[in-house]
Amino acid sequence: MNVFARCQQLPGGTQTPLTFFAFFFLLLGLCVGSFLNVVAWRVPAGRSIVRPGSACPSCGNPIRWYDNVPVLSFLLLGARCRQCRSPISPLYPAVELATGLLFLGAALRAGPGLQAAADAVLASLMVLTVRTDLENWLVLDEASLGGLAAGLAFALAPGGLSVLQSAGAAAGGFVLFLLIRLASLAVLKAKPGYVLPPPGHEDEADEFTGGMGWGDVKLAACIGAFLGPGRTAVAFFVAFVTGAAAGIAMILSGRHEKRRPMPFGPFLALGALVSMFAGNALLSLYLSASWP
């Protein structure tokens, strides 16, 4: 019987332990989301995430601790810097709130224990990937390879995935996406100049000729290490379906040119999060369905 089940059966206060744990995870997630904003902004620029401290990007004045409270400070300041009154991007509280809610969901789903911690780490990595890939067309190695190591480390602890399941799913995800990349390279090699780099990345044209980026290949391995074979398959299915649907919709609406790539990291992140919360249920539903 896991800790979550025991918490539910405590007499005279059944939900109290879970309630405190969930509230703590919510606050922790808000703080982690604030840190992810720092990482997503500084690491692609080659800057330290430790020094200097947080400062307004417009006026350079240091941000005081009471103006750096996740979400709340954004609201109290009216979305503007206290010193220069420059607007603060709503992306910052959005990342904080999303991370906090994902941590809350992890706590409620898994209850106190190592699984909630693993889910929280995976959620953090996926939120970071969404931001960096959308803003910079970049999946950080710190997220993909660091996440791969973290997923394998969690598998060493009792009660979750076995090391074989974690390593096998990671290897399978890596090989699958590597094959997609190699196949895309082979096809696009016969059409030189067909793929147009995203605006602002013309000097990196060679990086966008493979269809599938190296960051996505490594991220697939990271997801596999956390989710194991079955849920990884669900994650990839969700990613491919939503990615294809979004691409078709944007092309038909004229918001995206067919020859330009789209960042796939956000769709992989979406698939991983959907599978983290509902992967087992979706897999069971699929396996139990009666197919003609």
C-alpha atoms as a PDB file:
ATOM      1  CA  MET A   1       0.000   0.000   0.000  1.00  0.00           C
ATOM      2  CA  ASN A   2       1.500   3.374  -0.977  1.00  0.00           C
ATOM      3  CA  VAL A   3       1.687   6.466   1.170  1.00  0.00           C
ATOM      4  CA  PHE A   4      -1.173   8.126  -0.661  1.00  0.00           C
ATOM      5  CA  ALA A   5      -3.498   5.263   0.206  1.00  0.00           C
ATOM      6  CA  ARG A   6      -2.465   5.371   3.864  1.00  0.00           C
ATOM      7  CA  CYS A   7      -3.097   9.118   3.983  1.00  0.00           C
ATOM      8  CA  GLN A   8      -6.634   8.584   2.784  1.00  0.00           C
ATOM      9  CA  GLN A   9      -7.356   6.109   5.550  1.00  0.00           C
ATOM     10  CA  LEU A  10      -6.157   8.202   8.508  1.00  0.00           C
ATOM     11  CA  PRO A  11      -9.062   8.505  11.011  1.00  0.00           C
ATOM     12  CA  GLY A  12     -10.374  11.949  11.939  1.00  0.00           C
ATOM     13  CA  GLY A  13      -8.484  13.799   9.202  1.00  0.00           C
ATOM     14  CA  THR A  14      -8.388  11.707   6.114  1.00  0.00           C
ATOM     15  CA  GLN A  15      -7.239  14.353   3.647  1.00  0.00           C
ATOM     16  CA  THR A  16      -5.000  16.439   5.911  1.00  0.00           C
ATOM     17  CA  PRO A  17      -1.620  14.906   5.008  1.00  0.00           C
ATOM     18  CA  LEU A  18      -2.363  15.030   1.288  1.00  0.00           C
ATOM     19  CA  THR A  19      -3.729  18.570   1.535  1.00  0.00           C
ATOM     20  CA  PHE A  20      -0.568  19.893   3.165  1.00  0.00           C
ATOM     21  CA  PHE A  21       1.616  17.996   0.726  1.00  0.00           C
ATOM     22  CA  ALA A  22      -0.334  19.292  -2.289  1.00  0.00           C
ATOM     23  CA  PHE A  23      -0.193  22.886  -1.006  1.00  0.00           C
ATOM     24  CA  PHE A  24       3.546  22.592  -0.406  1.00  0.00           C
ATOM     25  CA  PHE A  25       4.055  21.216  -3.922  1.00  0.00           C
ATOM     26  CA  LEU A  26       2.000  24.068  -5.380  1.00  0.00           C
ATOM     27  CA  LEU A  27       4.206  26.667  -3.673  1.00  0.00           C
ATOM     28  CA  LEU A  28       7.328  24.739  -4.641  1.00  0.00           C
ATOM     29  CA  GLY A  29       6.184  24.622  -8.250  1.00  0.00           C
ATOM     30  CA  LEU A  30       5.616  28.394  -8.333  1.00  0.00           C
ATOM     31  CA  CYS A  31       9.171  28.942  -7.092  1.00  0.00           C
ATOM     32  CA  VAL A  32      10.605  26.405  -9.539  1.00  0.00           C
ATOM     33  CA  GLY A  33       8.695  28.138 -12.338  1.00  0.00           C
ATOM     34  CA  SER A  34      10.380  31.417 -11.399  1.00  0.00           C
ATOM     35  CA  PHE A  35      13.752  29.667 -11.609  1.00  0.00           C
ATOM     36  CA  LEU A  36      12.855  28.155 -14.989  1.00  0.00           C
ATOM     37  CA  ASN A  37      12.264  31.666 -16.307  1.00  0.00           C
ATOM     38  CA  VAL A  38      15.818  32.556 -15.306  1.00  0.00           C
ATOM     39  CA  VAL A  39      17.232  29.423 -16.943  1.00  0.00           C
ATOM     40  CA  ALA A  40      15.235  29.909 -20.157  1.00  0.00           C
ATOM     41  CA  TRP A  41      16.414  33.503 -20.483  1.00  0.00           C
ATOM     42  CA  ARG A  42      20.059  33.228 -19.401  1.00  0.00           C
ATOM     43  CA  VAL A  43      21.336  29.830 -20.539  1.00  0.00           C
ATOM     44  CA  PRO A  44      20.644  30.328 -24.286  1.00  0.00           C
ATOM     45  CA  ALA A  45      22.472  33.648 -23.970  1.00  0.00           C
ATOM     46  CA  GLY A  46      25.464  31.970 -22.328  1.00  0.00           C
ATOM     47  CA  ARG A  47      24.950  33.773 -19.020  1.00  0.00           C
ATOM     48  CA  SER A  48      25.250  32.449 -15.479  1.00  0.00           C
ATOM     49  CA  ILE A  49      22.033  31.517 -13.715  1.00  0.00           C
ATOM     50  CA  VAL A  50      23.570  32.481 -10.355  1.00  0.00           C
ATOM     51  CA  ARG A  51      25.157  35.923 -10.847  1.00  0.00           C
ATOM     52  CA  PRO A  52      24.166  38.654 -11.152  1.00  0.00           C
ATOM     53  CA  GLY A  53      20.840  38.562  -9.344  1.00  0.00           C
ATOM     54  CA  SER A  54      17.510  39.234 -11.001  1.00  0.00           C
ATOM     55  CA  ALA A  55      17.275  42.640 -12.648  1.00  0.00           C
ATOM     56  CA  CYS A  56      14.888  44.484 -14.914  1.00  0.00           C
ATOM     57  CA  PRO A  57      15.952  43.874 -18.539  1.00  0.00           C
ATOM     58  CA  SER A  58      14.914  47.434 -19.454  1.00  0.00           C
ATOM     59  CA  CYS A  59      16.530  49.616 -16.774  1.00  0.00           C
ATOM     60  CA  GLY A  60      18.959  47.116 -15.235  1.00  0.00           C
ATOM     61  CA  ASN A  61      17.897  47.854 -11.653  1.00  0.00           C
ATOM     62  CA  PRO A  62      18.028  44.839  -9.315  1.00  0.00           C
ATOM     63  CA  ILE A  63      14.664  43.317  -8.505  1.00  0.00           C
ATOM     64  CA  ARG A  64      13.992  43.376  -4.767  1.00  0.00           C
ATOM     65  CA  TRP A  65      12.939  40.150  -3.108  1.00  0.00           C
ATOM     66  CA  TYR A  66       9.411  41.409  -2.423  1.00  0.00           C
ATOM     67  CA  ASP A  67       9.022  42.200  -6.111  1.00  0.00           C
ATOM     68  CA  ASN A  68      10.145  38.705  -7.060  1.00  0.00           C
ATOM     69  CA  VAL A  69       7.340  36.662  -5.497  1.00  0.00           C
ATOM     70  CA  PRO A  70       5.982  34.308  -8.179  1.00  0.00           C
ATOM     71  CA  VAL A  71       2.745  35.489  -9.830  1.00  0.00           C
ATOM     72  CA  LEU A  72       1.778  37.716  -6.885  1.00  0.00           C
ATOM     73  CA  SER A  73       4.405  40.396  -7.544  1.00  0.00           C
ATOM     74  CA  PHE A  74       3.370  40.568 -11.207  1.00  0.00           C
ATOM     75  CA  LEU A  75      -0.206  41.337 -10.137  1.00  0.00           C
ATOM     76  CA  LEU A  76       0.680  43.798  -7.374  1.00  0.00           C
ATOM     77  CA  LEU A  77       3.059  45.720  -9.646  1.00  0.00           C
ATOM     78  CA  GLY A  78       0.444  45.964 -12.370  1.00  0.00           C
ATOM     79  CA  ALA A  79       2.731  44.062 -14.762  1.00  0.00           C
ATOM     80  CA  ARG A  80       5.298  46.878 -14.696  1.00  0.00           C
ATOM     81  CA  CYS A  81       8.777  47.384 -13.264  1.00  0.00           C
ATOM     82  CA  ARG A  82       8.657  49.343 -10.007  1.00  0.00           C
ATOM     83  CA  GLN A  83      11.593  51.533 -11.077  1.00  0.00           C
ATOM     84  CA  CYS A  84      11.175  52.335 -14.777  1.00  0.00           C
ATOM     85  CA  ARG A  85       7.544  51.235 -15.260  1.00  0.00           C
ATOM     86  CA  SER A  86       8.462  49.156 -18.286  1.00  0.00           C
ATOM     87  CA  PRO A  87       5.948  46.375 -18.950  1.00  0.00           C
ATOM     88  CA  ILE A  88       6.702  42.892 -17.611  1.00  0.00           C
ATOM     89  CA  SER A  89       5.954  40.076 -20.039  1.00  0.00           C
ATOM     90  CA  PRO A  90       2.984  37.933 -18.975  1.00  0.00           C
ATOM     91  CA  LEU A  91       5.113  34.964 -20.007  1.00  0.00           C
ATOM     92  CA  TYR A  92       6.857  35.083 -16.624  1.00  0.00           C
ATOM     93  CA  PRO A  93       3.779  34.530 -14.431  1.00  0.00           C
ATOM     94  CA  ALA A  94       2.387  32.102 -17.030  1.00  0.00           C
ATOM     95  CA  VAL A  95       5.441  29.856 -16.656  1.00  0.00           C
ATOM     96  CA  GLU A  96       5.294  30.150 -12.856  1.00  0.00           C
ATOM     97  CA  LEU A  97       1.594  29.350 -12.710  1.00  0.00           C
ATOM     98  CA  ALA A  98       1.841  26.473 -15.173  1.00  0.00           C
ATOM     99  CA  THR A  99       4.689  24.902 -13.211  1.00  0.00           C
ATOM    100  CA  GLY A 100       2.836  25.361  -9.929  1.00  0.00           C
ATOM    101  CA  LEU A 101      -0.317  23.717 -11.266  1.00  0.00           C
ATOM    102  CA  LEU A 102       1.660  20.830 -12.733  1.00  0.00           C
ATOM    103  CA  PHE A 103       3.371  20.286  -9.370  1.00  0.00           C
ATOM    104  CA  LEU A 104      -0.044  20.373  -7.703  1.00  0.00           C
ATOM    105  CA  GLY A 105      -1.346  17.808 -10.182  1.00  0.00           C
ATOM    106  CA  ALA A 106       1.686  15.589  -9.555  1.00  0.00           C
ATOM    107  CA  ALA A 107       1.093  15.739  -5.804  1.00  0.00           C
ATOM    108  CA  LEU A 108      -2.601  14.907  -6.113  1.00  0.00           C
ATOM    109  CA  ARG A 109      -1.962  12.111  -8.616  1.00  0.00           C
ATOM    110  CA  ALA A 110       0.891  10.335  -6.869  1.00  0.00           C
ATOM    111  CA  GLY A 111       0.627  11.457  -3.245  1.00  0.00           C
ATOM    112  CA  PRO A 112       3.651  11.952  -1.001  1.00  0.00           C
ATOM    113  CA  GLY A 113       6.560   9.908  -2.260  1.00  0.00           C
ATOM    114  CA  LEU A 114       9.261   9.546  -4.854  1.00  0.00           C
ATOM    115  CA  GLN A 115       6.860   9.301  -7.787  1.00  0.00           C
ATOM    116  CA  ALA A 116       5.562  12.807  -7.156  1.00  0.00           C
ATOM    117  CA  ALA A 117       9.148  14.064  -7.154  1.00  0.00           C
ATOM    118  CA  ALA A 118       9.863  12.306 -10.464  1.00  0.00           C
ATOM    119  CA  ASP A 119       6.698  13.748 -12.001  1.00  0.00           C
ATOM    120  CA  ALA A 120       7.638  17.219 -10.780  1.00  0.00           C
ATOM    121  CA  VAL A 121      11.107  16.988 -12.310  1.00  0.00           C
ATOM    122  CA  LEU A 122       9.696  15.813 -15.639  1.00  0.00           C
ATOM    123  CA  ALA A 123       7.094  18.595 -15.593  1.00  0.00           C
ATOM    124  CA  SER A 124       9.809  21.186 -14.935  1.00  0.00           C
ATOM    125  CA  LEU A 125      11.896  19.937 -17.838  1.00  0.00           C
ATOM    126  CA  MET A 126       8.909  20.028 -20.178  1.00  0.00           C
ATOM    127  CA  VAL A 127       7.925  23.574 -19.195  1.00  0.00           C
ATOM    128  CA  LEU A 128      11.512  24.708 -19.750  1.00  0.00           C
ATOM    129  CA  THR A 129      11.588  22.990 -23.150  1.00  0.00           C
ATOM    130  CA  VAL A 130       8.374  24.656 -24.299  1.00  0.00           C
ATOM    131  CA  ARG A 131       9.758  28.099 -23.549  1.00  0.00           C
ATOM    132  CA  THR A 132      13.259  27.655 -24.973  1.00  0.00           C
ATOM    133  CA  ASP A 133      12.094  25.908 -28.130  1.00  0.00           C
ATOM    134  CA  LEU A 134       9.381  28.457 -28.875  1.00  0.00           C
ATOM    135  CA  GLU A 135      11.648  31.429 -28.155  1.00  0.00           C
ATOM    136  CA  ASN A 136      15.027  30.198 -29.382  1.00  0.00           C
ATOM    137  CA  TRP A 137      14.419  27.016 -31.403  1.00  0.00           C
ATOM    138  CA  LEU A 138      16.523  25.284 -28.785  1.00  0.00           C
ATOM    139  CA  VAL A 139      16.117  22.225 -26.567  1.00  0.00           C
ATOM    140  CA  LEU A 140      18.756  22.649 -23.902  1.00  0.00           C
ATOM    141  CA  ASP A 141      21.102  19.742 -23.256  1.00  0.00           C
ATOM    142  CA  GLU A 142      20.624  20.569 -19.586  1.00  0.00           C
ATOM    143  CA  ALA A 143      16.973  19.584 -20.047  1.00  0.00           C
ATOM    144  CA  SER A 144      17.324  16.614 -22.407  1.00  0.00           C
ATOM    145  CA  LEU A 145      20.563  14.945 -21.326  1.00  0.00           C
ATOM    146  CA  GLY A 146      20.235  16.131 -17.728  1.00  0.00           C
ATOM    147  CA  GLY A 147      16.677  14.833 -17.738  1.00  0.00           C
ATOM    148  CA  LEU A 148      17.823  11.506 -19.171  1.00  0.00           C
ATOM    149  CA  ALA A 149      20.247  11.108 -16.272  1.00  0.00           C
ATOM    150  CA  ALA A 150      17.564  12.132 -13.758  1.00  0.00           C
ATOM    151  CA  GLY A 151      15.029   9.676 -15.191  1.00  0.00           C
ATOM    152  CA  LEU A 152      17.502   6.811 -15.004  1.00  0.00           C
ATOM    153  CA  ALA A 153      18.422   7.830 -11.447  1.00  0.00           C
ATOM    154  CA  PHE A 154      14.774   7.741 -10.351  1.00  0.00           C
ATOM    155  CA  ALA A 155      14.525   4.238 -11.843  1.00  0.00           C
ATOM    156  CA  LEU A 156      17.226   3.071  -9.427  1.00  0.00           C
ATOM    157  CA  ALA A 157      14.903   3.772  -6.489  1.00  0.00           C
ATOM    158  CA  PRO A 158      12.319   1.136  -5.507  1.00  0.00           C
ATOM    159  CA  GLY A 159       8.635   1.491  -6.253  1.00  0.00           C
ATOM    160  CA  GLY A 160       8.671   2.922  -9.752  1.00  0.00           C
ATOM    161  CA  LEU A 161      10.009   1.921 -13.125  1.00  0.00           C
ATOM    162  CA  SER A 162      12.725  -0.685 -13.274  1.00  0.00           C
ATOM    163  CA  VAL A 163      16.085   0.344 -14.676  1.00  0.00           C
ATOM    164  CA  LEU A 164      15.466  -1.957 -17.621  1.00  0.00           C
ATOM    165  CA  GLN A 165      12.140  -0.272 -18.420  1.00  0.00           C
ATOM    166  CA  SER A 166      13.613   3.209 -18.082  1.00  0.00           C
ATOM    167  CA  ALA A 167      16.762   2.513 -20.096  1.00  0.00           C
ATOM    168  CA  GLY A 168      14.868   0.499 -22.714  1.00  0.00           C
ATOM    169  CA  ALA A 169      12.286   3.233 -23.301  1.00  0.00           C
ATOM    170  CA  ALA A 170      15.028   5.875 -23.419  1.00  0.00           C
ATOM    171  CA  ALA A 171      17.000   3.883 -25.990  1.00  0.00           C
ATOM    172  CA  GLY A 172      13.856   3.180 -28.009  1.00  0.00           C
ATOM    173  CA  GLY A 173      12.874   6.857 -28.079  1.00  0.00           C
ATOM    174  CA  PHE A 174      16.368   7.896 -29.100  1.00  0.00           C
ATOM    175  CA  VAL A 175      16.579   5.336 -31.911  1.00  0.00           C
ATOM    176  CA  LEU A 176      13.085   6.128 -33.225  1.00  0.00           C
ATOM    177  CA  PHE A 177      13.733   9.844 -33.481  1.00  0.00           C
ATOM    178  CA  LEU A 178      17.227   9.298 -34.824  1.00  0.00           C
ATOM    179  CA  LEU A 179      15.772   7.182 -37.623  1.00  0.00           C
ATOM    180  CA  ILE A 180      13.211   9.911 -38.352  1.00  0.00           C
ATOM    181  CA  ARG A 181      16.017  12.459 -38.519  1.00  0.00           C
ATOM    182  CA  LEU A 182      18.153  10.306 -40.819  1.00  0.00           C
ATOM    183  CA  ALA A 183      15.201   9.562 -43.104  1.00  0.00           C
ATOM    184  CA  SER A 184      14.331  13.254 -43.267  1.00  0.00           C
ATOM    185  CA  LEU A 185      17.940  14.105 -44.108  1.00  0.00           C
ATOM    186  CA  ALA A 186      17.917  11.565 -46.918  1.00  0.00           C
ATOM    187  CA  VAL A 187      14.688  12.948 -48.386  1.00  0.00           C
ATOM    188  CA  LEU A 188      15.603  16.618 -48.019  1.00  0.00           C
ATOM    189  CA  LYS A 189      19.108  16.049 -49.401  1.00  0.00           C
ATOM    190  CA  ALA A 190      17.488  15.547 -52.787  1.00  0.00           C
ATOM    191  CA  LYS A 191      15.818  18.972 -52.423  1.00  0.00           C
ATOM    192  CA  PRO A 192      18.615  21.405 -51.580  1.00  0.00           C
ATOM    193  CA  GLY A 193      17.331  24.742 -50.399  1.00  0.00           C
ATOM    194  CA  TYR A 194      13.790  23.438 -49.938  1.00  0.00           C
ATOM    195  CA  VAL A 195      13.671  24.008 -46.177  1.00  0.00           C
ATOM    196  CA  LEU A 196      13.678  27.680 -45.241  1.00  0.00           C
ATOM    197  CA  PRO A 197      15.148  28.589 -41.850  1.00  0.00           C
ATOM    198  CA  PRO A 198      12.909  30.454 -39.383  1.00  0.00           C
ATOM    199  CA  PRO A 199      13.064  34.254 -39.566  1.00  0.00           C
ATOM    200  CA  GLY A 200      16.068  35.509 -37.641  1.00  0.00           C
ATOM    201  CA  HIS A 201      17.936  32.202 -37.974  1.00  0.00           C
ATOM    202  CA  GLU A 202      19.158  32.552 -41.551  1.00  0.00           C
ATOM    203  CA  ASP A 203      22.780  32.180 -40.439  1.00  0.00           C
ATOM    204  CA  GLU A 204      21.895  28.774 -38.952  1.00  0.00           C
ATOM    205  CA  ALA A 205      20.270  27.354 -42.086  1.00  0.00           C
ATOM    206  CA  ASP A 206      22.239  24.105 -41.875  1.00  0.00           C
ATOM    207  CA  GLU A 207      20.667  23.363 -38.486  1.00  0.00           C
ATOM    208  CA  PHE A 208      17.185  23.138 -40.025  1.00  0.00           C
ATOM    209  CA  THR A 209      17.830  20.782 -42.942  1.00  0.00           C
ATOM    210  CA  GLY A 210      17.237  17.564 -41.030  1.00  0.00           C
ATOM    211  CA  GLY A 211      13.515  17.750 -40.432  1.00  0.00           C
ATOM    212  CA  MET A 212      13.951  16.538 -36.854  1.00  0.00           C
ATOM    213  CA  GLY A 213      16.423  18.408 -34.677  1.00  0.00           C
ATOM    214  CA  TRP A 214      19.067  16.803 -32.502  1.00  0.00           C
ATOM    215  CA  GLY A 215      17.418  18.389 -29.489  1.00  0.00           C
ATOM    216  CA  ASP A 216      14.214  16.462 -30.206  1.00  0.00           C
ATOM    217  CA  VAL A 217      16.167  13.213 -30.544  1.00  0.00           C
ATOM    218  CA  LYS A 218      17.752  13.682 -27.125  1.00  0.00           C
ATOM    219  CA  LEU A 219      14.482  14.888 -25.588  1.00  0.00           C
ATOM    220  CA  ALA A 220      12.759  11.694 -26.744  1.00  0.00           C
ATOM    221  CA  ALA A 221      15.316   9.682 -24.769  1.00  0.00           C
ATOM    222  CA  CYS A 222      14.692  11.841 -21.699  1.00  0.00           C
ATOM    223  CA  ILE A 223      10.940  11.282 -21.898  1.00  0.00           C
ATOM    224  CA  GLY A 224      11.432   7.543 -22.279  1.00  0.00           C
ATOM    225  CA  ALA A 225      13.626   7.396 -19.177  1.00  0.00           C
ATOM    226  CA  PHE A 226      10.854   8.923 -17.063  1.00  0.00           C
ATOM    227  CA  LEU A 227       7.783   7.229 -18.527  1.00  0.00           C
ATOM    228  CA  GLY A 228       8.807   3.708 -19.514  1.00  0.00           C
ATOM    229  CA  PRO A 229       7.743   1.852 -22.682  1.00  0.00           C
ATOM    230  CA  GLY A 230       3.942   2.043 -22.572  1.00  0.00           C
ATOM    231  CA  ARG A 231       3.503   5.635 -21.503  1.00  0.00           C
ATOM    232  CA  THR A 232       6.323   6.758 -23.810  1.00  0.00           C
ATOM    233  CA  ALA A 233       4.396   5.312 -26.761  1.00  0.00           C
ATOM    234  CA  VAL A 234       1.346   7.318 -25.661  1.00  0.00           C
ATOM    235  CA  ALA A 235       3.470  10.472 -25.324  1.00  0.00           C
ATOM    236  CA  PHE A 236       4.897  10.131 -28.822  1.00  0.00           C
ATOM    237  CA  PHE A 237       1.467   9.411 -30.306  1.00  0.00           C
ATOM    238  CA  VAL A 238       0.018  12.552 -28.709  1.00  0.00           C
ATOM    239  CA  ALA A 239       3.021  14.580 -29.878  1.00  0.00           C
ATOM    240  CA  PHE A 240       2.775  13.438 -33.496  1.00  0.00           C
ATOM    241  CA  VAL A 241      -1.005  13.888 -33.688  1.00  0.00           C
ATOM    242  CA  THR A 242      -1.073  17.337 -32.088  1.00  0.00           C
ATOM    243  CA  GLY A 243       2.001  18.470 -34.008  1.00  0.00           C
ATOM    244  CA  ALA A 244       0.497  17.402 -37.331  1.00  0.00           C
ATOM    245  CA  ALA A 245      -2.878  18.970 -36.487  1.00  0.00           C
ATOM    246  CA  ALA A 246      -1.286  22.267 -35.440  1.00  0.00           C
ATOM    247  CA  GLY A 247       0.929  22.353 -38.535  1.00  0.00           C
ATOM    248  CA  ILE A 248      -1.954  21.696 -40.930  1.00  0.00           C
ATOM    249  CA  ALA A 249      -4.158  24.261 -39.192  1.00  0.00           C
ATOM    250  CA  MET A 250      -1.473  26.955 -39.318  1.00  0.00           C
ATOM    251  CA  ILE A 251      -0.659  26.292 -42.974  1.00  0.00           C
ATOM    252  CA  LEU A 252      -4.335  26.385 -43.989  1.00  0.00           C
ATOM    253  CA  SER A 253      -4.873  29.603 -42.041  1.00  0.00           C
ATOM    254  CA  GLY A 254      -1.854  31.221 -43.700  1.00  0.00           C
ATOM    255  CA  ARG A 255      -0.001  31.667 -40.419  1.00  0.00           C
ATOM    256  CA  HIS A 256       2.811  29.285 -41.372  1.00  0.00           C
ATOM    257  CA  GLU A 257       4.724  28.577 -44.561  1.00  0.00           C
ATOM    258  CA  LYS A 258       4.934  24.925 -45.536  1.00  0.00           C
ATOM    259  CA  ARG A 259       8.661  25.066 -46.274  1.00  0.00           C
ATOM    260  CA  ARG A 260       9.554  26.434 -42.860  1.00  0.00           C
ATOM    261  CA  PRO A 261      10.027  24.079 -39.873  1.00  0.00           C
ATOM    262  CA  MET A 262       8.018  24.167 -36.683  1.00  0.00           C
ATOM    263  CA  PRO A 263       9.507  23.572 -33.231  1.00  0.00           C
ATOM    264  CA  PHE A 264       8.525  20.044 -32.193  1.00  0.00           C
ATOM    265  CA  GLY A 265       9.755  20.235 -28.607  1.00  0.00           C
ATOM    266  CA  PRO A 266       6.500  21.781 -27.310  1.00  0.00           C
ATOM    267  CA  PHE A 267       4.481  18.919 -28.791  1.00  0.00           C
ATOM    268  CA  LEU A 268       6.814  16.352 -27.252  1.00  0.00           C
ATOM    269  CA  ALA A 269       6.424  18.179 -23.947  1.00  0.00           C
ATOM    270  CA  LEU A 270       2.643  18.155 -24.296  1.00  0.00           C
ATOM    271  CA  GLY A 271       2.665  14.443 -25.073  1.00  0.00           C
ATOM    272  CA  ALA A 272       4.888  13.733 -22.069  1.00  0.00           C
ATOM    273  CA  LEU A 273       2.630  15.689 -19.703  1.00  0.00           C
ATOM    274  CA  VAL A 274      -0.555  14.088 -21.038  1.00  0.00           C
ATOM    275  CA  SER A 275       1.018  10.667 -20.674  1.00  0.00           C
ATOM    276  CA  MET A 276       2.367  11.460 -17.213  1.00  0.00           C
ATOM    277  CA  PHE A 277      -1.145  12.096 -15.939  1.00  0.00           C
ATOM    278  CA  ALA A 278      -3.268   9.854 -18.158  1.00  0.00           C
ATOM    279  CA  GLY A 279      -0.898   7.555 -20.043  1.00  0.00           C
ATOM    280  CA  ASN A 280      -1.843   4.365 -18.234  1.00  0.00           C
ATOM    281  CA  ALA A 281      -5.558   5.077 -18.632  1.00  0.00           C
ATOM    282  CA  LEU A 282      -5.204   5.869 -22.340  1.00  0.00           C
ATOM    283  CA  LEU A 283      -3.084   2.777 -22.907  1.00  0.00           C
ATOM    284  CA  SER A 284      -5.599   0.563 -21.078  1.00  0.00           C
ATOM    285  CA  LEU A 285      -8.427   2.106 -23.087  1.00  0.00           C
ATOM    286  CA  TYR A 286      -6.604   1.365 -26.327  1.00  0.00           C
ATOM    287  CA  LEU A 287      -5.737  -2.208 -25.350  1.00  0.00           C
ATOM    288  CA  SER A 288      -9.281  -2.951 -24.191  1.00  0.00           C
ATOM    289  CA  ALA A 289     -10.948  -1.546 -27.310  1.00  0.00           C
ATOM    290  CA  SER A 290     -12.509  -3.998 -29.712  1.00  0.00           C
ATOM    291  CA  TRP A 291     -10.893  -3.527 -33.098  1.00  0.00           C
ATOM    292  CA  PRO A 292     -12.477  -4.916 -36.298  1.00  0.00           C
END
